[in-house]
Amino acid sequence: MIIKKIKDVLAGKSTLKHKRSSQWPTIRKHHLDKNPKCALCEGDSKIEVHHIKPFHKHPELELESTNLITLCESYSYGICCHRTVGHLGDYKKINPNVVEDSATWNKKLKG
């Protein structure tokens, strides 16, 4: 677990500043039960629960269902939806329009 935390910090996916709530695993599971597919490509492999407003800047929104979206880490359509749309290609960046962008690309992919 410590190695994953170090890797996440180095990749810009998390910080050392805020500790996750003990309720996070339950909230994450409930979110994935309701939203089991990537909001962009509808894939169900390597899915992640992405915080729309990032946890490290808005820890008070960590458990808010309205601040969560499901995005995948798989390379459906040649892209990693989580990194490309959730983080604009760099885990240190934030896409404030992730919900709208995911919906737009989902519509385009459905053709």
PDB file of N, CA and C in Angstrom:
ATOM      1  N   MET A   1       0.822  -1.196   0.000  1.00  0.00           N
ATOM      2  CA  MET A   1       0.000   0.000   0.000  1.00  0.00           C
ATOM      3  C   MET A   1       0.863   1.256   0.000  1.00  0.00           C
ATOM      4  N   ILE A   2       1.949   1.257   0.739  1.00  0.00           N
ATOM      5  CA  ILE A   2       2.826   2.425   0.803  1.00  0.00           C
ATOM      6  C   ILE A   2       3.487   2.689  -0.544  1.00  0.00           C
ATOM      7  N   ILE A   3       3.822   1.619  -1.268  1.00  0.00           N
ATOM      8  CA  ILE A   3       4.443   1.784  -2.584  1.00  0.00           C
ATOM      9  C   ILE A   3       3.455   2.419  -3.553  1.00  0.00           C
ATOM     10  N   LYS A   4       2.182   1.998  -3.505  1.00  0.00           N
ATOM     11  CA  LYS A   4       1.166   2.596  -4.360  1.00  0.00           C
ATOM     12  C   LYS A   4       1.014   4.082  -4.033  1.00  0.00           C
ATOM     13  N   LYS A   5       1.014   4.438  -2.757  1.00  0.00           N
ATOM     14  CA  LYS A   5       0.893   5.844  -2.345  1.00  0.00           C
ATOM     15  C   LYS A   5       2.062   6.653  -2.902  1.00  0.00           C
ATOM     16  N   ILE A   6       3.271   6.124  -2.792  1.00  0.00           N
ATOM     17  CA  ILE A   6       4.450   6.821  -3.305  1.00  0.00           C
ATOM     18  C   ILE A   6       4.345   7.002  -4.815  1.00  0.00           C
ATOM     19  N   LYS A   7       3.945   5.945  -5.520  1.00  0.00           N
ATOM     20  CA  LYS A   7       3.783   6.031  -6.974  1.00  0.00           C
ATOM     21  C   LYS A   7       2.730   7.068  -7.343  1.00  0.00           C
ATOM     22  N   ASP A   8       1.604   7.086  -6.616  1.00  0.00           N
ATOM     23  CA  ASP A   8       0.533   8.052  -6.887  1.00  0.00           C
ATOM     24  C   ASP A   8       1.003   9.484  -6.642  1.00  0.00           C
ATOM     25  N   VAL A   9       1.771   9.700  -5.587  1.00  0.00           N
ATOM     26  CA  VAL A   9       2.301  11.043  -5.299  1.00  0.00           C
ATOM     27  C   VAL A   9       3.251  11.463  -6.408  1.00  0.00           C
ATOM     28  N   LEU A  10       4.159  10.584  -6.814  1.00  0.00           N
ATOM     29  CA  LEU A  10       5.120  10.906  -7.866  1.00  0.00           C
ATOM     30  C   LEU A  10       4.445  11.163  -9.214  1.00  0.00           C
ATOM     31  N   ALA A  11       3.346  10.450  -9.477  1.00  0.00           N
ATOM     32  CA  ALA A  11       2.613  10.640 -10.733  1.00  0.00           C
ATOM     33  C   ALA A  11       1.685  11.846 -10.689  1.00  0.00           C
ATOM     34  N   GLY A  12       1.541  12.451  -9.517  1.00  0.00           N
ATOM     35  CA  GLY A  12       0.645  13.596  -9.384  1.00  0.00           C
ATOM     36  C   GLY A  12      -0.799  13.219  -9.155  1.00  0.00           C
ATOM     37  N   LYS A  13      -1.064  11.939  -8.894  1.00  0.00           N
ATOM     38  CA  LYS A  13      -2.440  11.474  -8.665  1.00  0.00           C
ATOM     39  C   LYS A  13      -2.922  11.785  -7.262  1.00  0.00           C
ATOM     40  N   SER A  14      -2.026  11.974  -6.317  1.00  0.00           N
ATOM     41  CA  SER A  14      -2.421  12.295  -4.945  1.00  0.00           C
ATOM     42  C   SER A  14      -1.302  13.084  -4.286  1.00  0.00           C
ATOM     43  N   THR A  15      -1.574  13.579  -3.095  1.00  0.00           N
ATOM     44  CA  THR A  15      -0.578  14.341  -2.349  1.00  0.00           C
ATOM     45  C   THR A  15      -0.395  13.716  -0.976  1.00  0.00           C
ATOM     46  N   LEU A  16       0.566  14.214  -0.277  1.00  0.00           N
ATOM     47  CA  LEU A  16       0.799  13.753   1.088  1.00  0.00           C
ATOM     48  C   LEU A  16       0.012  14.581   2.097  1.00  0.00           C
ATOM     49  N   LYS A  17      -0.644  15.636   1.645  1.00  0.00           N
ATOM     50  CA  LYS A  17      -1.299  16.592   2.543  1.00  0.00           C
ATOM     51  C   LYS A  17      -2.563  16.067   3.207  1.00  0.00           C
ATOM     52  N   HIS A  18      -3.440  15.413   2.453  1.00  0.00           N
ATOM     53  CA  HIS A  18      -4.741  15.021   2.975  1.00  0.00           C
ATOM     54  C   HIS A  18      -4.862  13.502   3.021  1.00  0.00           C
ATOM     55  N   LYS A  19      -5.392  13.029   4.114  1.00  0.00           N
ATOM     56  CA  LYS A  19      -5.616  11.600   4.266  1.00  0.00           C
ATOM     57  C   LYS A  19      -7.055  11.281   3.855  1.00  0.00           C
ATOM     58  N   ARG A  20      -7.225  10.182   3.154  1.00  0.00           N
ATOM     59  CA  ARG A  20      -8.562   9.755   2.724  1.00  0.00           C
ATOM     60  C   ARG A  20      -9.441   9.444   3.928  1.00  0.00           C
ATOM     61  N   SER A  21     -10.710   9.732   3.788  1.00  0.00           N
ATOM     62  CA  SER A  21     -11.699   9.391   4.808  1.00  0.00           C
ATOM     63  C   SER A  21     -11.820   7.874   4.900  1.00  0.00           C
ATOM     64  N   SER A  22     -12.105   7.386   6.076  1.00  0.00           N
ATOM     65  CA  SER A  22     -12.329   5.947   6.251  1.00  0.00           C
ATOM     66  C   SER A  22     -13.584   5.496   5.499  1.00  0.00           C
ATOM     67  N   GLN A  23     -14.442   6.449   5.132  1.00  0.00           N
ATOM     68  CA  GLN A  23     -15.661   6.144   4.387  1.00  0.00           C
ATOM     69  C   GLN A  23     -15.417   6.041   2.871  1.00  0.00           C
ATOM     70  N   TRP A  24     -14.240   6.488   2.400  1.00  0.00           N
ATOM     71  CA  TRP A  24     -13.977   6.512   0.968  1.00  0.00           C
ATOM     72  C   TRP A  24     -14.173   5.156   0.284  1.00  0.00           C
ATOM     73  N   PRO A  25     -13.653   4.045   0.799  1.00  0.00           N
ATOM     74  CA  PRO A  25     -13.853   2.762   0.108  1.00  0.00           C
ATOM     75  C   PRO A  25     -15.337   2.427  -0.097  1.00  0.00           C
ATOM     76  N   THR A  26     -16.167   2.745   0.879  1.00  0.00           N
ATOM     77  CA  THR A  26     -17.609   2.467   0.764  1.00  0.00           C
ATOM     78  C   THR A  26     -18.248   3.375  -0.270  1.00  0.00           C
ATOM     79  N   ILE A  27     -17.921   4.654  -0.232  1.00  0.00           N
ATOM     80  CA  ILE A  27     -18.461   5.620  -1.202  1.00  0.00           C
ATOM     81  C   ILE A  27     -18.026   5.231  -2.612  1.00  0.00           C
ATOM     82  N   ARG A  28     -16.757   4.874  -2.765  1.00  0.00           N
ATOM     83  CA  ARG A  28     -16.230   4.458  -4.071  1.00  0.00           C
ATOM     84  C   ARG A  28     -16.989   3.244  -4.595  1.00  0.00           C
ATOM     85  N   LYS A  29     -17.201   2.259  -3.734  1.00  0.00           N
ATOM     86  CA  LYS A  29     -17.926   1.048  -4.134  1.00  0.00           C
ATOM     87  C   LYS A  29     -19.350   1.382  -4.550  1.00  0.00           C
ATOM     88  N   HIS A  30     -20.042   2.213  -3.775  1.00  0.00           N
ATOM     89  CA  HIS A  30     -21.416   2.599  -4.126  1.00  0.00           C
ATOM     90  C   HIS A  30     -21.457   3.345  -5.455  1.00  0.00           C
ATOM     91  N   HIS A  31     -20.489   4.215  -5.671  1.00  0.00           N
ATOM     92  CA  HIS A  31     -20.438   4.950  -6.941  1.00  0.00           C
ATOM     93  C   HIS A  31     -20.268   3.978  -8.105  1.00  0.00           C
ATOM     94  N   LEU A  32     -19.353   3.023  -7.959  1.00  0.00           N
ATOM     95  CA  LEU A  32     -19.114   2.062  -9.042  1.00  0.00           C
ATOM     96  C   LEU A  32     -20.280   1.103  -9.235  1.00  0.00           C
ATOM     97  N   ASP A  33     -21.016   0.820  -8.177  1.00  0.00           N
ATOM     98  CA  ASP A  33     -22.228  -0.002  -8.326  1.00  0.00           C
ATOM     99  C   ASP A  33     -23.248   0.720  -9.204  1.00  0.00           C
ATOM    100  N   LYS A  34     -23.358   2.035  -9.026  1.00  0.00           N
ATOM    101  CA  LYS A  34     -24.318   2.841  -9.794  1.00  0.00           C
ATOM    102  C   LYS A  34     -23.775   3.248 -11.159  1.00  0.00           C
ATOM    103  N   ASN A  35     -22.465   3.397 -11.262  1.00  0.00           N
ATOM    104  CA  ASN A  35     -21.817   3.892 -12.486  1.00  0.00           C
ATOM    105  C   ASN A  35     -20.640   2.980 -12.841  1.00  0.00           C
ATOM    106  N   PRO A  36     -20.920   1.761 -13.295  1.00  0.00           N
ATOM    107  CA  PRO A  36     -19.854   0.776 -13.486  1.00  0.00           C
ATOM    108  C   PRO A  36     -19.041   0.940 -14.772  1.00  0.00           C
ATOM    109  N   LYS A  37     -19.426   1.874 -15.627  1.00  0.00           N
ATOM    110  CA  LYS A  37     -18.732   2.038 -16.910  1.00  0.00           C
ATOM    111  C   LYS A  37     -18.161   3.434 -17.042  1.00  0.00           C
ATOM    112  N   CYS A  38     -17.118   3.523 -17.831  1.00  0.00           N
ATOM    113  CA  CYS A  38     -16.474   4.800 -18.102  1.00  0.00           C
ATOM    114  C   CYS A  38     -17.477   5.762 -18.747  1.00  0.00           C
ATOM    115  N   ALA A  39     -17.542   6.965 -18.229  1.00  0.00           N
ATOM    116  CA  ALA A  39     -18.479   7.965 -18.743  1.00  0.00           C
ATOM    117  C   ALA A  39     -18.135   8.383 -20.167  1.00  0.00           C
ATOM    118  N   LEU A  40     -16.892   8.192 -20.573  1.00  0.00           N
ATOM    119  CA  LEU A  40     -16.484   8.591 -21.918  1.00  0.00           C
ATOM    120  C   LEU A  40     -16.669   7.448 -22.918  1.00  0.00           C
ATOM    121  N   CYS A  41     -16.007   6.309 -22.685  1.00  0.00           N
ATOM    122  CA  CYS A  41     -16.007   5.230 -23.689  1.00  0.00           C
ATOM    123  C   CYS A  41     -16.936   4.074 -23.348  1.00  0.00           C
ATOM    124  N   GLU A  42     -17.518   4.108 -22.160  1.00  0.00           N
ATOM    125  CA  GLU A  42     -18.398   3.056 -21.662  1.00  0.00           C
ATOM    126  C   GLU A  42     -17.679   1.731 -21.430  1.00  0.00           C
ATOM    127  N   GLY A  43     -16.347   1.774 -21.346  1.00  0.00           N
ATOM    128  CA  GLY A  43     -15.576   0.586 -21.020  1.00  0.00           C
ATOM    129  C   GLY A  43     -15.756   0.226 -19.551  1.00  0.00           C
ATOM    130  N   ASP A  44     -15.532  -1.036 -19.241  1.00  0.00           N
ATOM    131  CA  ASP A  44     -15.667  -1.468 -17.843  1.00  0.00           C
ATOM    132  C   ASP A  44     -14.399  -2.146 -17.332  1.00  0.00           C
ATOM    133  N   SER A  45     -13.280  -1.856 -17.986  1.00  0.00           N
ATOM    134  CA  SER A  45     -11.994  -2.415 -17.599  1.00  0.00           C
ATOM    135  C   SER A  45     -11.127  -1.317 -16.987  1.00  0.00           C
ATOM    136  N   LYS A  46     -10.467  -1.623 -15.901  1.00  0.00           N
ATOM    137  CA  LYS A  46      -9.567  -0.687 -15.220  1.00  0.00           C
ATOM    138  C   LYS A  46     -10.250   0.649 -14.922  1.00  0.00           C
ATOM    139  N   ILE A  47     -11.442   0.597 -14.351  1.00  0.00           N
ATOM    140  CA  ILE A  47     -12.181   1.822 -14.084  1.00  0.00           C
ATOM    141  C   ILE A  47     -11.717   2.485 -12.794  1.00  0.00           C
ATOM    142  N   GLU A  48     -11.803   3.798 -12.777  1.00  0.00           N
ATOM    143  CA  GLU A  48     -11.412   4.611 -11.636  1.00  0.00           C
ATOM    144  C   GLU A  48     -12.544   5.569 -11.302  1.00  0.00           C
ATOM    145  N   VAL A  49     -12.636   5.937 -10.039  1.00  0.00           N
ATOM    146  CA  VAL A  49     -13.562   6.980  -9.625  1.00  0.00           C
ATOM    147  C   VAL A  49     -12.743   8.268  -9.561  1.00  0.00           C
ATOM    148  N   HIS A  50     -13.079   9.185 -10.436  1.00  0.00           N
ATOM    149  CA  HIS A  50     -12.351  10.449 -10.574  1.00  0.00           C
ATOM    150  C   HIS A  50     -13.109  11.552  -9.841  1.00  0.00           C
ATOM    151  N   HIS A  51     -12.382  12.354  -9.077  1.00  0.00           N
ATOM    152  CA  HIS A  51     -12.977  13.515  -8.417  1.00  0.00           C
ATOM    153  C   HIS A  51     -12.989  14.683  -9.399  1.00  0.00           C
ATOM    154  N   ILE A  52     -14.151  15.231  -9.663  1.00  0.00           N
ATOM    155  CA  ILE A  52     -14.295  16.352 -10.588  1.00  0.00           C
ATOM    156  C   ILE A  52     -13.507  17.559 -10.064  1.00  0.00           C
ATOM    157  N   LYS A  53     -13.743  17.911  -8.824  1.00  0.00           N
ATOM    158  CA  LYS A  53     -12.909  18.890  -8.130  1.00  0.00           C
ATOM    159  C   LYS A  53     -11.943  18.054  -7.309  1.00  0.00           C
ATOM    160  N   PRO A  54     -10.647  18.179  -7.558  1.00  0.00           N
ATOM    161  CA  PRO A  54      -9.676  17.244  -6.991  1.00  0.00           C
ATOM    162  C   PRO A  54      -9.639  17.216  -5.469  1.00  0.00           C
ATOM    163  N   PHE A  55      -9.428  16.023  -4.979  1.00  0.00           N
ATOM    164  CA  PHE A  55      -9.378  15.764  -3.542  1.00  0.00           C
ATOM    165  C   PHE A  55      -8.332  16.623  -2.840  1.00  0.00           C
ATOM    166  N   HIS A  56      -7.169  16.787  -3.441  1.00  0.00           N
ATOM    167  CA  HIS A  56      -6.100  17.538  -2.770  1.00  0.00           C
ATOM    168  C   HIS A  56      -6.412  19.029  -2.642  1.00  0.00           C
ATOM    169  N   LYS A  57      -7.321  19.537  -3.458  1.00  0.00           N
ATOM    170  CA  LYS A  57      -7.717  20.952  -3.351  1.00  0.00           C
ATOM    171  C   LYS A  57      -9.058  21.128  -2.641  1.00  0.00           C
ATOM    172  N   HIS A  58      -9.893  20.099  -2.697  1.00  0.00           N
ATOM    173  CA  HIS A  58     -11.231  20.159  -2.095  1.00  0.00           C
ATOM    174  C   HIS A  58     -11.509  18.890  -1.287  1.00  0.00           C
ATOM    175  N   PRO A  59     -10.771  18.665  -0.197  1.00  0.00           N
ATOM    176  CA  PRO A  59     -10.970  17.443   0.582  1.00  0.00           C
ATOM    177  C   PRO A  59     -12.384  17.343   1.157  1.00  0.00           C
ATOM    178  N   GLU A  60     -13.053  18.467   1.316  1.00  0.00           N
ATOM    179  CA  GLU A  60     -14.420  18.464   1.835  1.00  0.00           C
ATOM    180  C   GLU A  60     -15.413  17.842   0.848  1.00  0.00           C
ATOM    181  N   LEU A  61     -15.021  17.708  -0.424  1.00  0.00           N
ATOM    182  CA  LEU A  61     -15.891  17.122  -1.447  1.00  0.00           C
ATOM    183  C   LEU A  61     -15.545  15.659  -1.751  1.00  0.00           C
ATOM    184  N   GLU A  62     -14.641  15.092  -0.990  1.00  0.00           N
ATOM    185  CA  GLU A  62     -14.176  13.730  -1.251  1.00  0.00           C
ATOM    186  C   GLU A  62     -15.315  12.716  -1.343  1.00  0.00           C
ATOM    187  N   LEU A  63     -16.317  12.844  -0.488  1.00  0.00           N
ATOM    188  CA  LEU A  63     -17.384  11.842  -0.395  1.00  0.00           C
ATOM    189  C   LEU A  63     -18.679  12.263  -1.085  1.00  0.00           C
ATOM    190  N   GLU A  64     -18.678  13.409  -1.748  1.00  0.00           N
ATOM    191  CA  GLU A  64     -19.881  13.920  -2.416  1.00  0.00           C
ATOM    192  C   GLU A  64     -20.093  13.219  -3.752  1.00  0.00           C
ATOM    193  N   SER A  65     -21.232  12.571  -3.913  1.00  0.00           N
ATOM    194  CA  SER A  65     -21.502  11.832  -5.153  1.00  0.00           C
ATOM    195  C   SER A  65     -21.522  12.745  -6.382  1.00  0.00           C
ATOM    196  N   THR A  66     -21.904  14.009  -6.195  1.00  0.00           N
ATOM    197  CA  THR A  66     -21.943  14.950  -7.317  1.00  0.00           C
ATOM    198  C   THR A  66     -20.544  15.368  -7.768  1.00  0.00           C
ATOM    199  N   ASN A  67     -19.514  14.997  -7.012  1.00  0.00           N
ATOM    200  CA  ASN A  67     -18.140  15.339  -7.363  1.00  0.00           C
ATOM    201  C   ASN A  67     -17.390  14.138  -7.949  1.00  0.00           C
ATOM    202  N   LEU A  68     -18.108  13.083  -8.303  1.00  0.00           N
ATOM    203  CA  LEU A  68     -17.476  11.860  -8.800  1.00  0.00           C
ATOM    204  C   LEU A  68     -17.931  11.514 -10.209  1.00  0.00           C
ATOM    205  N   ILE A  69     -17.011  10.972 -10.983  1.00  0.00           N
ATOM    206  CA  ILE A  69     -17.316  10.472 -12.320  1.00  0.00           C
ATOM    207  C   ILE A  69     -16.445   9.236 -12.555  1.00  0.00           C
ATOM    208  N   THR A  70     -16.989   8.260 -13.250  1.00  0.00           N
ATOM    209  CA  THR A  70     -16.239   7.046 -13.559  1.00  0.00           C
ATOM    210  C   THR A  70     -15.495   7.233 -14.876  1.00  0.00           C
ATOM    211  N   LEU A  71     -14.186   7.013 -14.842  1.00  0.00           N
ATOM    212  CA  LEU A  71     -13.347   7.064 -16.042  1.00  0.00           C
ATOM    213  C   LEU A  71     -12.419   5.859 -16.009  1.00  0.00           C
ATOM    214  N   CYS A  72     -12.008   5.390 -17.173  1.00  0.00           N
ATOM    215  CA  CYS A  72     -11.165   4.189 -17.203  1.00  0.00           C
ATOM    216  C   CYS A  72      -9.698   4.523 -17.424  1.00  0.00           C
ATOM    217  N   GLU A  73      -8.881   3.560 -17.034  1.00  0.00           N
ATOM    218  CA  GLU A  73      -7.434   3.628 -17.230  1.00  0.00           C
ATOM    219  C   GLU A  73      -7.011   2.744 -18.401  1.00  0.00           C
ATOM    220  N   SER A  74      -7.970   2.065 -19.025  1.00  0.00           N
ATOM    221  CA  SER A  74      -7.622   1.211 -20.161  1.00  0.00           C
ATOM    222  C   SER A  74      -7.463   2.101 -21.389  1.00  0.00           C
ATOM    223  N   TYR A  75      -6.960   1.549 -22.437  1.00  0.00           N
ATOM    224  CA  TYR A  75      -6.710   2.336 -23.640  1.00  0.00           C
ATOM    225  C   TYR A  75      -7.728   2.034 -24.721  1.00  0.00           C
ATOM    226  N   SER A  76      -8.992   2.208 -24.380  1.00  0.00           N
ATOM    227  CA  SER A  76     -10.056   2.072 -25.367  1.00  0.00           C
ATOM    228  C   SER A  76      -9.891   3.204 -26.378  1.00  0.00           C
ATOM    229  N   TYR A  77     -10.092   2.918 -27.605  1.00  0.00           N
ATOM    230  CA  TYR A  77      -9.977   3.925 -28.670  1.00  0.00           C
ATOM    231  C   TYR A  77      -8.595   4.578 -28.699  1.00  0.00           C
ATOM    232  N   GLY A  78      -7.598   3.916 -28.122  1.00  0.00           N
ATOM    233  CA  GLY A  78      -6.235   4.421 -28.167  1.00  0.00           C
ATOM    234  C   GLY A  78      -5.891   5.488 -27.148  1.00  0.00           C
ATOM    235  N   ILE A  79      -6.803   5.802 -26.233  1.00  0.00           N
ATOM    236  CA  ILE A  79      -6.514   6.798 -25.206  1.00  0.00           C
ATOM    237  C   ILE A  79      -6.842   6.245 -23.818  1.00  0.00           C
ATOM    238  N   CYS A  80      -6.235   6.816 -22.819  1.00  0.00           N
ATOM    239  CA  CYS A  80      -6.577   6.527 -21.426  1.00  0.00           C
ATOM    240  C   CYS A  80      -7.558   7.625 -21.022  1.00  0.00           C
ATOM    241  N   CYS A  81      -8.823   7.296 -20.904  1.00  0.00           N
ATOM    242  CA  CYS A  81      -9.863   8.295 -20.630  1.00  0.00           C
ATOM    243  C   CYS A  81      -9.580   9.089 -19.359  1.00  0.00           C
ATOM    244  N   HIS A  82      -9.163   8.407 -18.303  1.00  0.00           N
ATOM    245  CA  HIS A  82      -8.894   9.081 -17.028  1.00  0.00           C
ATOM    246  C   HIS A  82      -7.799  10.134 -17.196  1.00  0.00           C
ATOM    247  N   ARG A  83      -6.687   9.748 -17.781  1.00  0.00           N
ATOM    248  CA  ARG A  83      -5.579  10.692 -17.940  1.00  0.00           C
ATOM    249  C   ARG A  83      -5.907  11.755 -18.990  1.00  0.00           C
ATOM    250  N   THR A  84      -6.425  11.339 -20.139  1.00  0.00           N
ATOM    251  CA  THR A  84      -6.635  12.269 -21.246  1.00  0.00           C
ATOM    252  C   THR A  84      -7.726  13.296 -20.969  1.00  0.00           C
ATOM    253  N   VAL A  85      -8.871  12.847 -20.500  1.00  0.00           N
ATOM    254  CA  VAL A  85      -9.987  13.773 -20.289  1.00  0.00           C
ATOM    255  C   VAL A  85     -10.057  14.247 -18.837  1.00  0.00           C
ATOM    256  N   GLY A  86      -9.825  13.354 -17.896  1.00  0.00           N
ATOM    257  CA  GLY A  86      -9.877  13.746 -16.489  1.00  0.00           C
ATOM    258  C   GLY A  86      -8.755  14.679 -16.088  1.00  0.00           C
ATOM    259  N   HIS A  87      -7.574  14.495 -16.726  1.00  0.00           N
ATOM    260  CA  HIS A  87      -6.402  15.271 -16.329  1.00  0.00           C
ATOM    261  C   HIS A  87      -5.701  15.949 -17.497  1.00  0.00           C
ATOM    262  N   LEU A  88      -6.371  16.073 -18.624  1.00  0.00           N
ATOM    263  CA  LEU A  88      -5.811  16.785 -19.783  1.00  0.00           C
ATOM    264  C   LEU A  88      -4.417  16.285 -20.160  1.00  0.00           C
ATOM    265  N   GLY A  89      -4.226  14.959 -20.019  1.00  0.00           N
ATOM    266  CA  GLY A  89      -2.976  14.336 -20.426  1.00  0.00           C
ATOM    267  C   GLY A  89      -1.882  14.317 -19.387  1.00  0.00           C
ATOM    268  N   ASP A  90      -2.103  14.945 -18.240  1.00  0.00           N
ATOM    269  CA  ASP A  90      -1.081  15.029 -17.193  1.00  0.00           C
ATOM    270  C   ASP A  90      -1.776  14.962 -15.839  1.00  0.00           C
ATOM    271  N   TYR A  91      -1.461  13.958 -15.025  1.00  0.00           N
ATOM    272  CA  TYR A  91      -2.149  13.773 -13.745  1.00  0.00           C
ATOM    273  C   TYR A  91      -2.021  14.978 -12.812  1.00  0.00           C
ATOM    274  N   LYS A  92      -1.114  15.877 -13.089  1.00  0.00           N
ATOM    275  CA  LYS A  92      -0.970  17.079 -12.264  1.00  0.00           C
ATOM    276  C   LYS A  92      -1.932  18.188 -12.692  1.00  0.00           C
ATOM    277  N   LYS A  93      -2.627  17.986 -13.813  1.00  0.00           N
ATOM    278  CA  LYS A  93      -3.576  18.985 -14.316  1.00  0.00           C
ATOM    279  C   LYS A  93      -4.998  18.609 -13.924  1.00  0.00           C
ATOM    280  N   ILE A  94      -5.873  19.576 -14.004  1.00  0.00           N
ATOM    281  CA  ILE A  94      -7.280  19.405 -13.648  1.00  0.00           C
ATOM    282  C   ILE A  94      -8.137  19.854 -14.828  1.00  0.00           C
ATOM    283  N   ASN A  95      -9.112  19.038 -15.196  1.00  0.00           N
ATOM    284  CA  ASN A  95     -10.062  19.431 -16.232  1.00  0.00           C
ATOM    285  C   ASN A  95     -11.376  19.806 -15.555  1.00  0.00           C
ATOM    286  N   PRO A  96     -11.672  21.093 -15.415  1.00  0.00           N
ATOM    287  CA  PRO A  96     -12.911  21.495 -14.755  1.00  0.00           C
ATOM    288  C   PRO A  96     -14.161  21.132 -15.563  1.00  0.00           C
ATOM    289  N   ASN A  97     -13.961  20.768 -16.832  1.00  0.00           N
ATOM    290  CA  ASN A  97     -15.075  20.420 -17.721  1.00  0.00           C
ATOM    291  C   ASN A  97     -15.147  18.922 -18.003  1.00  0.00           C
ATOM    292  N   VAL A  98     -14.629  18.103 -17.093  1.00  0.00           N
ATOM    293  CA  VAL A  98     -14.537  16.665 -17.322  1.00  0.00           C
ATOM    294  C   VAL A  98     -15.901  16.028 -17.597  1.00  0.00           C
ATOM    295  N   VAL A  99     -16.945  16.471 -16.924  1.00  0.00           N
ATOM    296  CA  VAL A  99     -18.276  15.879 -17.126  1.00  0.00           C
ATOM    297  C   VAL A  99     -18.778  16.197 -18.531  1.00  0.00           C
ATOM    298  N   GLU A 100     -18.700  17.460 -18.913  1.00  0.00           N
ATOM    299  CA  GLU A 100     -19.163  17.877 -20.234  1.00  0.00           C
ATOM    300  C   GLU A 100     -18.303  17.267 -21.339  1.00  0.00           C
ATOM    301  N   ASP A 101     -16.986  17.272 -21.151  1.00  0.00           N
ATOM    302  CA  ASP A 101     -16.090  16.713 -22.162  1.00  0.00           C
ATOM    303  C   ASP A 101     -16.319  15.211 -22.343  1.00  0.00           C
ATOM    304  N   SER A 102     -16.531  14.496 -21.242  1.00  0.00           N
ATOM    305  CA  SER A 102     -16.797  13.055 -21.329  1.00  0.00           C
ATOM    306  C   SER A 102     -18.085  12.793 -22.088  1.00  0.00           C
ATOM    307  N   ALA A 103     -19.126  13.574 -21.803  1.00  0.00           N
ATOM    308  CA  ALA A 103     -20.414  13.411 -22.483  1.00  0.00           C
ATOM    309  C   ALA A 103     -20.287  13.723 -23.975  1.00  0.00           C
ATOM    310  N   THR A 104     -19.547  14.766 -24.302  1.00  0.00           N
ATOM    311  CA  THR A 104     -19.353  15.143 -25.711  1.00  0.00           C
ATOM    312  C   THR A 104     -18.642  14.037 -26.472  1.00  0.00           C
ATOM    313  N   TRP A 105     -17.543  13.523 -25.892  1.00  0.00           N
ATOM    314  CA  TRP A 105     -16.807  12.463 -26.574  1.00  0.00           C
ATOM    315  C   TRP A 105     -17.584  11.158 -26.627  1.00  0.00           C
ATOM    316  N   ASN A 106     -18.361  10.874 -25.596  1.00  0.00           N
ATOM    317  CA  ASN A 106     -19.195   9.678 -25.597  1.00  0.00           C
ATOM    318  C   ASN A 106     -20.184   9.745 -26.765  1.00  0.00           C
ATOM    319  N   LYS A 107     -20.786  10.882 -26.953  1.00  0.00           N
ATOM    320  CA  LYS A 107     -21.751  11.089 -28.051  1.00  0.00           C
ATOM    321  C   LYS A 107     -21.065  10.920 -29.405  1.00  0.00           C
ATOM    322  N   LYS A 108     -19.856  11.460 -29.544  1.00  0.00           N
ATOM    323  CA  LYS A 108     -19.115  11.343 -30.809  1.00  0.00           C
ATOM    324  C   LYS A 108     -18.741   9.885 -31.083  1.00  0.00           C
ATOM    325  N   LEU A 109     -18.344   9.159 -30.047  1.00  0.00           N
ATOM    326  CA  LEU A 109     -17.959   7.767 -30.236  1.00  0.00           C
ATOM    327  C   LEU A 109     -19.142   6.886 -30.635  1.00  0.00           C
ATOM    328  N   LYS A 110     -20.314   7.249 -30.161  1.00  0.00           N
ATOM    329  CA  LYS A 110     -21.513   6.486 -30.520  1.00  0.00           C
ATOM    330  C   LYS A 110     -21.942   6.770 -31.959  1.00  0.00           C
ATOM    331  N   GLY A 111     -21.441   7.906 -32.471  1.00  0.00           N
ATOM    332  CA  GLY A 111     -21.641   8.272 -33.864  1.00  0.00           C
ATOM    333  C   GLY A 111     -23.026   8.562 -34.226  1.00  0.00           C
TER     334      GLY A 111
END
